[in-house]
Amino acid sequence: MGGCAYVKNWYEPSPEFSVPQEAVRQIDVIDLEEATEEKPSTVEVVEPEISELELSLEECRALALENNLDLQVQLINPTIAREVINQEEAKFEATFKGNVNYAKTDTPTASLLDIAGSKVDISYIDLGVDIPLRTGGTLSFDLADRRLKTDSLWSIFNPSYESDFSASISQPLLRNSGNRVNTHSIRVAQYNSSIAEARTKLEAIHIIANVDRAYWRLYAARKLLDVRRKQYDLSKALYEETSRFVEVGVKPQIEMIRTEASVAEKLEAIIKAENEARDTERDLKRMLNKKGLGMETKTVLIPSSPPDPVRYELEGNRMVENAIENRMEMLELELQLAQDSSNIDYLENQTLPLVTLEYKYNINGLGPTRSDSYDLLSDNEFKDHRIGLQVSIPIGNREAKSRLRKAVYERAQRLASKESKKSEIKYEVLSQIDKLEANWQRILASRQTTILKDEQYRAEKRQFELGLVTSTDVLNAQTDLAEAQRVEILALVEYQIAIIDLAYATGTLLGAAKVEWDPVVPRE
């Protein structure tokens, strides 16, 4: 009754949920309205509270660890896994049992003269405790109380009271015997709990690494947008300068058309760059999940942590060893191999015959009153001993042996996958090291290219002003400069991302501070 009250208070059944048929069988069409010409509005437009927000990389990490929805989902898994351990450990809890019966019978009995009735009034109460043992057996204690009242003339005590106290033990000797076999499910649950924590840690690393990558992609998008705007300003200035030359007759009309077309192209490039910046910004907002900074807000995020590329001397073999030691995938494989070993031991025990030894010790009491019955019971004058042996041997035992072989094969397969995972990790680490060095060389090359393209643009512009080249040459030089600046920005950002990928490949994170997490316990 107490348990039922607990369930009622803790869990309230949800109302029945039904799905309308049209919700799953009808496909609606999107409702789009044609845009109308914007007219001046007299309604005051309320600007967002924060138009721009500068965020450092450290602040983005902190917000993600605190608010990221994907991480919050993962942090509940260890809590669920620990409840499975509690469930498995609970199988060794003692159980109180009770049995209450009352019977009133009137049985017809044949006699010499007539058929007479035999009336019996019986009440029976049996209370006891069963204690499961980690050795596989069960220890039981029972106290029985019986009252018998009859109309029989041959009954000496009427009513009569019987009381019995018994202690019994049932212990398997082969199959299901031993502490290791009977705690197998608890060990498996503990291994699964550790696997859940390893996966949660891996997900935390994955989320933080994704936040870092999104941060640098947003930095690149902002810088590329600045480049596009500067190119637009240069094209517009060239167009205005060319217009003056055309007005005084120094340049032909075609020059003004070329420069005007270039201004339009640069404006389109700005629009594309702004859209890309909004997409990367929205992606970062989704990861941060900060209140008041949702994906729908118009707050502009400004990365305040500039890239600081530093060349590192990396020892490939040492980093591979660290990666194999730190990667959660390797820890998960080790835990799964431990599970396999425990499973093999358990299934090997299950191939044995079932031999159960039982012993029962019973003390009897009897008297005309309940008090007399219990006095005799406490004197321990009348006692019983019972011992038994039950044997069950499957003929052939094919199923149990097949399960054992299957477990052995699965462990062999996992050992092979462990070596394969080591090789995969080694490949990832060495590839990221090469990628990091290649991106460093890209930074050096792109910086030199940008310097030369800037000088070329300035030279072409001077030549244009002197009438030695056309605007096409200036515009081409301007495009080459923008491309060189774009490549340099991407090289810087991809170098930062390559460091993140290298840290991720070794199972670690960048930064000076370690990250610690705790499982989340949902509110009941």
Protein backbone atom coordinates (compact mmCIF):
# COMPACT_ATOMS: atom_id res chain seq x y z
CA MET A 1 0.00 0.00 0.00
CA GLY A 2 2.86 2.38 0.82
CA GLY A 3 4.56 1.52 -2.45
CA CYS A 4 1.38 2.20 -4.40
CA ALA A 5 1.05 5.59 -2.71
CA TYR A 6 4.63 6.43 -3.70
CA VAL A 7 3.95 5.54 -7.32
CA LYS A 8 0.76 7.59 -7.33
CA ASN A 9 2.51 10.66 -5.93
CA TRP A 10 5.58 10.37 -8.15
CA TYR A 11 3.93 9.54 -11.46
CA GLU A 12 0.70 10.94 -12.80
CA PRO A 13 -0.47 9.26 -16.02
CA SER A 14 -0.67 11.58 -18.98
CA PRO A 15 -3.97 11.99 -20.82
CA GLU A 16 -4.54 9.82 -23.87
CA PHE A 17 -3.05 11.35 -27.01
CA SER A 18 -4.79 10.90 -30.33
CA VAL A 19 -3.60 12.10 -33.73
CA PRO A 20 -6.19 13.52 -36.16
CA GLN A 21 -6.23 11.62 -39.43
CA GLU A 22 -5.71 14.75 -41.52
CA ALA A 23 -2.54 15.56 -39.56
CA VAL A 24 -0.73 12.56 -41.04
CA ARG A 25 -2.53 12.09 -44.35
CA GLN A 26 -2.88 15.68 -45.54
CA ILE A 27 0.03 17.69 -46.94
CA ASP A 28 -0.53 21.42 -46.73
CA VAL A 29 0.99 24.05 -49.00
CA ILE A 30 3.10 26.95 -47.89
CA ASP A 31 1.31 30.29 -47.76
CA LEU A 32 3.46 33.06 -49.25
CA GLU A 33 2.36 36.65 -49.68
CA GLU A 34 3.77 38.89 -52.36
CA ALA A 35 5.92 41.65 -50.96
CA THR A 36 4.52 45.16 -51.20
CA GLU A 37 6.43 48.39 -51.53
CA GLU A 38 7.61 49.54 -48.16
CA LYS A 39 5.95 52.72 -46.97
CA PRO A 40 7.04 55.04 -44.18
CA SER A 41 5.52 53.86 -40.95
CA THR A 42 4.36 56.13 -38.18
CA VAL A 43 4.79 53.34 -35.64
CA GLU A 44 7.91 53.74 -33.59
CA VAL A 45 10.34 50.91 -34.26
CA VAL A 46 11.79 49.44 -31.09
CA GLU A 47 15.44 48.58 -31.55
CA PRO A 48 16.78 45.42 -29.92
CA GLU A 49 18.31 45.89 -26.51
CA ILE A 50 21.72 44.78 -27.79
CA SER A 51 22.59 45.59 -31.38
CA GLU A 52 26.11 44.15 -31.14
CA LEU A 53 27.72 41.78 -28.68
CA GLU A 54 31.41 41.06 -28.47
CA LEU A 55 32.22 37.52 -27.37
CA SER A 56 35.57 35.95 -26.68
CA LEU A 57 36.27 32.30 -27.39
CA GLU A 58 36.33 31.53 -23.66
CA GLU A 59 32.93 33.14 -23.16
CA CYS A 60 31.45 31.09 -26.00
CA ARG A 61 32.75 27.89 -24.43
CA ALA A 62 31.32 28.81 -21.04
CA LEU A 63 27.90 29.61 -22.54
CA ALA A 64 27.87 26.36 -24.49
CA LEU A 65 28.73 24.29 -21.42
CA GLU A 66 25.98 26.01 -19.48
CA ASN A 67 23.18 26.18 -22.05
CA ASN A 68 23.81 23.87 -25.02
CA LEU A 69 20.74 21.69 -25.51
CA ASP A 70 22.59 18.76 -27.07
CA LEU A 71 24.94 18.68 -24.08
CA GLN A 72 22.02 18.86 -21.64
CA VAL A 73 20.54 15.79 -23.32
CA GLN A 74 23.81 13.88 -23.01
CA LEU A 75 24.34 14.85 -19.36
CA ILE A 76 21.19 12.93 -18.38
CA ASN A 77 22.52 9.62 -19.77
CA PRO A 78 24.91 8.92 -16.85
CA THR A 79 22.05 9.52 -14.42
CA ILE A 80 19.90 6.99 -16.28
CA ALA A 81 22.78 4.49 -16.33
CA ARG A 82 23.29 4.81 -12.57
CA GLU A 83 19.62 4.03 -11.99
CA VAL A 84 20.16 0.75 -13.87
CA ILE A 85 22.92 -0.08 -11.34
CA ASN A 86 20.48 0.62 -8.52
CA GLN A 87 17.93 -1.68 -10.14
CA GLU A 88 20.43 -4.52 -10.45
CA GLU A 89 21.71 -4.11 -6.88
CA ALA A 90 18.12 -4.13 -5.61
CA LYS A 91 17.71 -7.81 -6.55
CA PHE A 92 19.57 -8.67 -3.32
CA GLU A 93 17.14 -6.77 -1.15
CA ALA A 94 15.18 -8.79 1.43
CA THR A 95 11.48 -9.34 0.80
CA PHE A 96 8.80 -9.43 3.46
CA LYS A 97 6.01 -11.87 2.71
CA GLY A 98 2.70 -12.53 4.36
CA ASN A 99 -0.09 -15.02 3.87
CA VAL A 100 -3.43 -14.80 5.69
CA ASN A 101 -6.21 -17.37 5.18
CA TYR A 102 -9.51 -18.06 6.79
CA ALA A 103 -11.75 -21.02 5.98
CA LYS A 104 -15.03 -22.27 7.37
CA THR A 105 -16.10 -25.66 6.10
CA ASP A 106 -19.06 -27.97 6.68
CA THR A 107 -18.25 -31.34 5.14
CA PRO A 108 -20.91 -34.10 5.01
CA THR A 109 -19.78 -37.37 6.64
CA ALA A 110 -21.57 -40.75 6.41
CA SER A 111 -22.55 -42.47 9.70
CA LEU A 112 -24.54 -45.55 10.74
CA LEU A 113 -27.76 -43.66 11.28
CA ASP A 114 -27.61 -40.71 8.91
CA ILE A 115 -25.36 -38.25 7.07
CA ALA A 116 -23.86 -35.81 9.53
CA GLY A 117 -21.82 -32.65 8.96
CA SER A 118 -18.27 -31.99 10.09
CA LYS A 119 -17.75 -28.32 10.76
CA VAL A 120 -14.25 -26.86 10.81
CA ASP A 121 -13.22 -23.25 11.39
CA ILE A 122 -9.57 -22.55 10.38
CA SER A 123 -7.54 -19.33 10.38
CA TYR A 124 -3.93 -19.32 9.18
CA ILE A 125 -1.29 -16.58 9.25
CA ASP A 126 2.20 -16.97 7.81
CA LEU A 127 4.73 -14.14 7.99
CA GLY A 128 8.28 -14.37 6.71
CA VAL A 129 11.33 -12.81 5.13
CA ASP A 130 13.25 -14.00 2.05
CA ILE A 131 16.87 -12.85 1.77
CA PRO A 132 18.60 -13.36 -1.61
CA LEU A 133 22.30 -14.16 -1.22
CA ARG A 134 25.11 -13.08 -3.51
CA THR A 135 26.17 -16.71 -3.63
CA GLY A 136 22.98 -17.46 -5.57
CA GLY A 137 21.02 -18.97 -2.72
CA THR A 138 18.01 -17.80 -0.75
CA LEU A 139 17.69 -17.64 3.02
CA SER A 140 14.13 -17.71 4.38
CA PHE A 141 12.57 -17.24 7.81
CA ASP A 142 8.89 -18.04 8.42
CA LEU A 143 6.58 -17.82 11.42
CA ALA A 144 3.21 -19.57 11.01
CA ASP A 145 0.19 -19.37 13.30
CA ARG A 146 -2.79 -21.74 12.86
CA ARG A 147 -6.08 -21.87 14.76
CA LEU A 148 -8.42 -24.85 14.34
CA LYS A 149 -11.92 -25.19 15.78
CA THR A 150 -14.09 -28.22 14.98
CA ASP A 151 -17.21 -30.00 16.19
CA SER A 152 -15.42 -33.35 16.21
CA LEU A 153 -15.73 -35.29 19.46
CA TRP A 154 -12.27 -36.74 18.99
CA SER A 155 -10.47 -33.40 19.15
CA ILE A 156 -8.66 -33.01 22.47
CA PHE A 157 -7.96 -29.29 22.07
CA ASN A 158 -10.87 -27.37 20.65
CA PRO A 159 -9.92 -24.87 19.56
CA SER A 160 -6.30 -25.87 19.02
CA TYR A 161 -3.41 -23.56 18.22
CA GLU A 162 -0.35 -24.53 16.22
CA SER A 163 2.74 -22.37 15.73
CA ASP A 164 5.78 -23.07 13.61
CA PHE A 165 9.06 -21.28 13.12
CA SER A 166 11.24 -22.36 10.22
CA ALA A 167 14.57 -21.33 8.74
CA SER A 168 15.58 -22.63 5.35
CA ILE A 169 18.30 -22.14 2.82
CA SER A 170 18.42 -23.05 -0.85
CA GLN A 171 21.84 -22.93 -2.52
CA PRO A 172 22.82 -23.84 -6.11
CA LEU A 173 26.08 -25.80 -6.20
CA LEU A 174 27.04 -25.55 -9.89
CA ARG A 175 24.93 -23.41 -12.19
CA ASN A 176 24.05 -19.97 -10.74
CA SER A 177 26.47 -20.56 -7.87
CA GLY A 178 29.04 -18.06 -6.65
CA ASN A 179 29.38 -14.35 -6.07
CA ARG A 180 30.86 -13.56 -9.51
CA VAL A 181 28.03 -15.24 -11.42
CA ASN A 182 25.26 -13.61 -9.41
CA THR A 183 26.80 -10.13 -9.54
CA HIS A 184 27.35 -10.36 -13.31
CA SER A 185 24.38 -8.10 -14.12
CA ILE A 186 25.63 -5.49 -11.60
CA ARG A 187 29.08 -5.44 -13.22
CA VAL A 188 27.52 -5.08 -16.66
CA ALA A 189 25.43 -2.15 -15.40
CA GLN A 190 28.54 -0.54 -13.88
CA TYR A 191 30.43 -0.96 -17.14
CA ASN A 192 27.48 0.54 -19.02
CA SER A 193 27.46 3.45 -16.58
CA SER A 194 31.14 4.09 -17.27
CA ILE A 195 30.47 3.82 -21.01
CA ALA A 196 27.69 6.40 -20.66
CA GLU A 197 30.07 8.76 -18.87
CA ALA A 198 32.75 8.19 -21.53
CA ARG A 199 30.25 8.96 -24.28
CA THR A 200 29.10 12.06 -22.40
CA LYS A 201 32.68 13.27 -22.12
CA LEU A 202 33.18 12.60 -25.83
CA GLU A 203 30.03 14.55 -26.62
CA ALA A 204 31.20 17.44 -24.42
CA ILE A 205 34.52 17.51 -26.32
CA HIS A 206 32.63 17.32 -29.60
CA ILE A 207 30.29 20.20 -28.67
CA ILE A 208 33.09 22.47 -27.42
CA ALA A 209 35.17 21.72 -30.51
CA ASN A 210 32.16 22.56 -32.68
CA VAL A 211 31.72 25.84 -30.80
CA ASP A 212 35.39 26.66 -31.42
CA ARG A 213 35.02 25.86 -35.12
CA ALA A 214 31.82 27.91 -35.40
CA TYR A 215 33.54 30.82 -33.64
CA TRP A 216 36.41 30.89 -36.13
CA ARG A 217 34.06 30.45 -39.09
CA LEU A 218 32.12 33.46 -37.85
CA TYR A 219 35.40 35.37 -37.52
CA ALA A 220 36.24 34.45 -41.14
CA ALA A 221 32.75 35.44 -42.31
CA ARG A 222 33.05 38.84 -40.60
CA LYS A 223 36.50 39.45 -42.07
CA LEU A 224 35.38 38.39 -45.55
CA LEU A 225 32.42 40.76 -45.25
CA ASP A 226 34.87 43.57 -44.39
CA VAL A 227 36.93 42.65 -47.46
CA ARG A 228 33.85 42.76 -49.68
CA ARG A 229 32.86 46.16 -48.29
CA LYS A 230 36.34 47.56 -48.83
CA GLN A 231 36.33 46.24 -52.38
CA TYR A 232 32.97 47.89 -52.91
CA ASP A 233 34.36 51.20 -51.62
CA LEU A 234 37.39 50.87 -53.92
CA SER A 235 35.17 50.08 -56.91
CA LYS A 236 32.87 52.99 -56.11
CA ALA A 237 35.85 55.36 -55.76
CA LEU A 238 37.24 54.10 -59.09
CA TYR A 239 33.84 54.62 -60.72
CA GLU A 240 33.66 58.21 -59.45
CA GLU A 241 37.21 58.89 -60.60
CA THR A 242 36.50 57.37 -64.00
CA SER A 243 33.34 59.47 -64.32
CA ARG A 244 35.38 62.63 -63.89
CA PHE A 245 37.87 61.44 -66.50
CA VAL A 246 35.03 60.71 -68.94
CA GLU A 247 33.44 64.12 -68.33
CA VAL A 248 36.65 65.93 -69.28
CA GLY A 249 37.17 63.61 -72.26
CA VAL A 250 40.31 61.90 -70.99
CA LYS A 251 38.68 58.42 -70.86
CA PRO A 252 36.15 56.83 -73.22
CA GLN A 253 32.56 56.11 -72.13
CA ILE A 254 33.23 52.37 -71.99
CA GLU A 255 35.50 52.87 -68.99
CA MET A 256 32.65 54.27 -66.94
CA ILE A 257 30.40 51.34 -67.93
CA ARG A 258 33.07 48.85 -66.86
CA THR A 259 33.59 50.45 -63.47
CA GLU A 260 29.85 50.80 -62.89
CA ALA A 261 29.38 47.07 -63.62
CA SER A 262 32.17 46.33 -61.16
CA VAL A 263 30.34 48.32 -58.46
CA ALA A 264 27.21 46.21 -59.04
CA GLU A 265 29.25 43.00 -58.81
CA LYS A 266 30.85 44.09 -55.55
CA LEU A 267 27.42 44.94 -54.14
CA GLU A 268 26.20 41.42 -54.95
CA ALA A 269 29.31 40.01 -53.26
CA ILE A 270 28.47 42.02 -50.13
CA ILE A 271 24.94 40.59 -50.09
CA LYS A 272 26.28 37.01 -50.33
CA ALA A 273 28.88 37.67 -47.63
CA GLU A 274 26.26 39.16 -45.31
CA ASN A 275 24.03 36.13 -45.78
CA GLU A 276 26.93 33.77 -45.06
CA ALA A 277 27.79 35.76 -41.93
CA ARG A 278 24.18 35.53 -40.74
CA ASP A 279 24.17 31.75 -41.29
CA THR A 280 27.39 31.20 -39.33
CA GLU A 281 26.19 33.59 -36.64
CA ARG A 282 22.89 31.73 -36.33
CA ASP A 283 24.75 28.44 -36.05
CA LEU A 284 26.85 29.80 -33.18
CA LYS A 285 23.75 31.24 -31.45
CA ARG A 286 22.12 27.81 -31.67
CA MET A 287 25.08 26.22 -29.91
CA LEU A 288 25.29 28.91 -27.22
CA ASN A 289 21.52 28.86 -26.54
CA LYS A 290 21.83 31.96 -24.37
CA LYS A 291 18.61 33.53 -23.11
CA GLY A 292 17.92 36.73 -25.03
CA LEU A 293 20.36 35.68 -27.76
CA GLY A 294 18.26 33.20 -29.68
CA MET A 295 18.57 32.41 -33.36
CA GLU A 296 15.70 34.78 -34.14
CA THR A 297 17.38 37.81 -32.54
CA LYS A 298 19.10 40.44 -34.67
CA THR A 299 22.02 40.91 -32.29
CA VAL A 300 25.28 40.90 -34.24
CA LEU A 301 27.99 38.74 -32.69
CA ILE A 302 31.49 40.16 -32.95
CA PRO A 303 34.34 37.73 -32.25
CA SER A 304 36.81 39.52 -29.97
CA SER A 305 39.52 36.83 -29.85
CA PRO A 306 41.80 37.34 -32.86
CA PRO A 307 43.74 34.39 -34.30
CA ASP A 308 47.27 34.11 -32.99
CA PRO A 309 48.98 31.57 -35.24
CA VAL A 310 52.04 29.97 -33.67
CA ARG A 311 54.08 27.23 -35.24
CA TYR A 312 54.38 24.15 -33.02
CA GLU A 313 56.97 21.41 -32.95
CA LEU A 314 54.91 18.24 -32.84
CA GLU A 315 56.18 14.73 -32.08
CA GLY A 316 53.94 12.38 -33.99
CA ASN A 317 54.64 9.18 -32.04
CA ARG A 318 54.15 10.82 -28.66
CA MET A 319 50.89 12.45 -29.78
CA VAL A 320 49.63 9.12 -31.12
CA GLU A 321 50.34 7.47 -27.75
CA ASN A 322 48.53 10.28 -25.93
CA ALA A 323 45.59 9.99 -28.31
CA ILE A 324 45.25 6.24 -27.73
CA GLU A 325 45.35 6.89 -23.99
CA ASN A 326 42.88 9.82 -23.98
CA ARG A 327 40.35 8.90 -26.65
CA MET A 328 37.02 7.91 -25.14
CA GLU A 329 36.45 5.42 -27.95
CA MET A 330 39.40 3.38 -26.67
CA LEU A 331 38.09 3.53 -23.11
CA GLU A 332 34.68 2.40 -24.32
CA LEU A 333 36.27 -0.56 -26.12
CA GLU A 334 38.16 -1.51 -22.95
CA LEU A 335 34.92 -1.40 -20.96
CA GLN A 336 33.15 -3.48 -23.59
CA LEU A 337 35.98 -6.05 -23.48
CA ALA A 338 35.57 -6.21 -19.71
CA GLN A 339 31.86 -6.79 -20.28
CA ASP A 340 32.68 -9.56 -22.73
CA SER A 341 34.96 -11.28 -20.19
CA SER A 342 32.29 -11.14 -17.50
CA ASN A 343 29.69 -12.37 -19.98
CA ILE A 344 31.89 -15.33 -20.98
CA ASP A 345 32.37 -16.32 -17.33
CA TYR A 346 28.63 -16.11 -16.73
CA LEU A 347 27.68 -18.10 -19.84
CA GLU A 348 30.34 -20.70 -19.04
CA ASN A 349 28.66 -21.19 -15.68
CA GLN A 350 25.29 -21.52 -17.43
CA THR A 351 26.53 -24.64 -19.27
CA LEU A 352 26.81 -26.53 -15.94
CA PRO A 353 24.07 -28.75 -14.53
CA LEU A 354 21.60 -27.22 -12.11
CA VAL A 355 22.23 -28.80 -8.71
CA THR A 356 20.42 -27.23 -5.75
CA LEU A 357 20.93 -28.13 -2.10
CA GLU A 358 18.06 -27.34 0.25
CA TYR A 359 17.91 -27.47 4.04
CA LYS A 360 15.02 -26.58 6.33
CA TYR A 361 14.90 -26.39 10.12
CA ASN A 362 11.47 -26.22 11.73
CA ILE A 363 10.29 -25.80 15.35
CA ASN A 364 6.73 -26.87 16.20
CA GLY A 365 4.37 -25.63 18.84
CA LEU A 366 0.87 -26.79 19.92
CA GLY A 367 -1.58 -25.95 22.69
CA PRO A 368 -5.16 -25.21 23.65
CA THR A 369 -4.34 -21.52 23.65
CA ARG A 370 -2.08 -19.38 21.51
CA SER A 371 0.06 -18.59 24.52
CA ASP A 372 0.60 -22.31 25.27
CA SER A 373 1.48 -22.92 21.64
CA TYR A 374 4.16 -20.22 21.64
CA ASP A 375 5.50 -21.42 25.02
CA LEU A 376 6.03 -24.87 23.54
CA LEU A 377 7.57 -23.27 20.47
CA SER A 378 10.05 -21.33 22.59
CA ASP A 379 10.98 -24.52 24.52
CA ASN A 380 12.26 -25.96 21.22
CA GLU A 381 11.22 -29.51 22.16
CA PHE A 382 9.77 -30.54 18.83
CA LYS A 383 11.91 -29.76 15.79
CA ASP A 384 12.24 -31.04 12.25
CA HIS A 385 15.17 -31.26 9.89
CA ARG A 386 14.81 -31.64 6.17
CA ILE A 387 17.55 -31.78 3.56
CA GLY A 388 17.14 -32.24 -0.18
CA LEU A 389 19.09 -32.23 -3.40
CA GLN A 390 17.61 -31.35 -6.77
CA VAL A 391 19.41 -32.07 -10.03
CA SER A 392 18.53 -30.86 -13.54
CA ILE A 393 20.86 -31.78 -16.41
CA PRO A 394 19.93 -30.64 -19.94
CA ILE A 395 20.52 -33.37 -22.51
CA GLY A 396 22.80 -31.99 -25.21
CA ASN A 397 22.89 -28.45 -23.73
CA ARG A 398 23.24 -27.01 -27.24
CA GLU A 399 21.65 -23.65 -26.49
CA ALA A 400 23.92 -22.80 -23.56
CA LYS A 401 27.05 -23.91 -25.42
CA SER A 402 26.03 -21.92 -28.49
CA ARG A 403 25.59 -18.77 -26.39
CA LEU A 404 29.05 -19.31 -24.88
CA ARG A 405 30.66 -19.71 -28.32
CA LYS A 406 28.84 -16.60 -29.57
CA ALA A 407 30.21 -14.58 -26.63
CA VAL A 408 33.74 -15.81 -27.32
CA TYR A 409 33.45 -14.89 -31.01
CA GLU A 410 32.11 -11.42 -30.13
CA ARG A 411 35.07 -10.79 -27.83
CA ALA A 412 37.48 -11.87 -30.57
CA GLN A 413 35.71 -9.50 -32.96
CA ARG A 414 35.99 -6.65 -30.46
CA LEU A 415 39.70 -7.28 -29.97
CA ALA A 416 40.13 -6.97 -33.74
CA SER A 417 38.10 -3.75 -33.74
CA LYS A 418 40.33 -2.42 -30.95
CA GLU A 419 43.41 -2.81 -33.15
CA SER A 420 41.51 -1.28 -36.04
CA LYS A 421 40.54 1.70 -33.87
CA LYS A 422 44.18 2.18 -32.84
CA SER A 423 45.20 2.27 -36.48
CA GLU A 424 42.39 4.73 -37.25
CA ILE A 425 43.44 7.04 -34.40
CA LYS A 426 47.05 6.93 -35.53
CA TYR A 427 45.99 7.86 -39.05
CA GLU A 428 43.83 10.76 -37.79
CA VAL A 429 46.55 12.22 -35.57
CA LEU A 430 49.30 12.00 -38.18
CA SER A 431 46.98 13.43 -40.83
CA GLN A 432 46.05 16.36 -38.59
CA ILE A 433 49.73 17.04 -37.87
CA ASP A 434 50.45 17.22 -41.61
CA LYS A 435 47.35 19.35 -42.15
CA LEU A 436 48.48 21.75 -39.41
CA GLU A 437 51.92 22.16 -40.98
CA ALA A 438 50.41 22.62 -44.45
CA ASN A 439 48.09 25.36 -43.15
CA TRP A 440 51.05 27.10 -41.53
CA GLN A 441 52.81 27.16 -44.90
CA ARG A 442 49.57 28.45 -46.44
CA ILE A 443 49.57 31.37 -43.98
CA LEU A 444 53.11 32.35 -44.97
CA ALA A 445 52.38 32.02 -48.69
CA SER A 446 49.04 33.86 -48.55
CA ARG A 447 50.54 36.77 -46.61
CA GLN A 448 53.23 37.20 -49.22
CA THR A 449 50.65 36.92 -52.00
CA THR A 450 48.47 39.58 -50.37
CA ILE A 451 51.42 41.99 -50.10
CA LEU A 452 52.33 41.49 -53.76
CA LYS A 453 48.71 41.74 -54.98
CA ASP A 454 48.27 44.99 -53.03
CA GLU A 455 51.39 46.43 -54.66
CA GLN A 456 50.17 45.25 -58.07
CA TYR A 457 46.78 46.91 -57.52
CA ARG A 458 48.38 50.22 -56.53
CA ALA A 459 50.68 50.07 -59.55
CA GLU A 460 47.80 49.31 -61.93
CA LYS A 461 45.80 52.17 -60.46
CA ARG A 462 48.70 54.62 -61.01
CA GLN A 463 49.07 53.33 -64.56
CA PHE A 464 45.33 53.87 -65.10
CA GLU A 465 45.53 57.43 -63.80
CA LEU A 466 48.41 58.07 -66.24
CA GLY A 467 46.38 56.61 -69.09
CA LEU A 468 48.73 53.68 -69.69
CA VAL A 469 46.19 50.91 -68.91
CA THR A 470 42.42 50.50 -68.97
CA SER A 471 40.05 50.13 -66.05
CA THR A 472 39.87 46.42 -66.83
CA ASP A 473 43.43 45.99 -65.63
CA VAL A 474 42.67 47.89 -62.42
CA LEU A 475 39.51 45.88 -61.80
CA ASN A 476 41.36 42.60 -62.40
CA ALA A 477 44.07 43.67 -59.97
CA GLN A 478 41.39 44.63 -57.48
CA THR A 479 39.74 41.22 -57.83
CA ASP A 480 43.10 39.47 -57.41
CA LEU A 481 43.76 41.48 -54.24
CA ALA A 482 40.36 40.56 -52.80
CA GLU A 483 40.99 36.89 -53.59
CA ALA A 484 44.41 37.05 -51.95
CA GLN A 485 42.90 38.63 -48.83
CA ARG A 486 40.18 35.98 -48.78
CA VAL A 487 42.75 33.18 -49.04
CA GLU A 488 44.82 34.72 -46.24
CA ILE A 489 41.78 34.95 -43.94
CA LEU A 490 40.82 31.36 -44.69
CA ALA A 491 44.38 30.19 -44.13
CA LEU A 492 44.44 31.85 -40.70
CA VAL A 493 41.07 30.41 -39.71
CA GLU A 494 41.77 26.95 -41.08
CA TYR A 495 45.02 26.91 -39.13
CA GLN A 496 43.05 27.61 -35.94
CA ILE A 497 40.52 24.92 -36.88
CA ALA A 498 43.35 22.50 -37.68
CA ILE A 499 44.65 22.96 -34.11
CA ILE A 500 41.14 22.24 -32.82
CA ASP A 501 40.93 19.12 -34.99
CA LEU A 502 44.33 17.94 -33.76
CA ALA A 503 43.27 18.39 -30.13
CA TYR A 504 40.00 16.57 -30.88
CA ALA A 505 41.93 13.72 -32.53
CA THR A 506 43.97 13.32 -29.32
CA GLY A 507 40.87 13.39 -27.09
CA THR A 508 41.67 16.79 -25.58
CA LEU A 509 40.68 20.44 -25.89
CA LEU A 510 42.51 23.69 -26.43
CA GLY A 511 42.76 26.27 -23.70
CA ALA A 512 44.45 26.77 -20.36
CA ALA A 513 41.53 25.62 -18.18
CA LYS A 514 40.24 22.08 -17.88
CA VAL A 515 36.56 21.33 -18.34
CA GLU A 516 34.67 19.39 -15.68
CA TRP A 517 31.07 18.24 -15.96
CA ASP A 518 28.50 16.65 -13.65
CA PRO A 519 25.52 14.50 -14.60
CA VAL A 520 22.14 16.20 -14.67
CA VAL A 521 19.38 14.80 -12.47
CA PRO A 522 15.99 15.78 -13.95
CA ARG A 523 13.41 17.12 -11.55
CA GLU A 524 10.69 14.63 -10.71
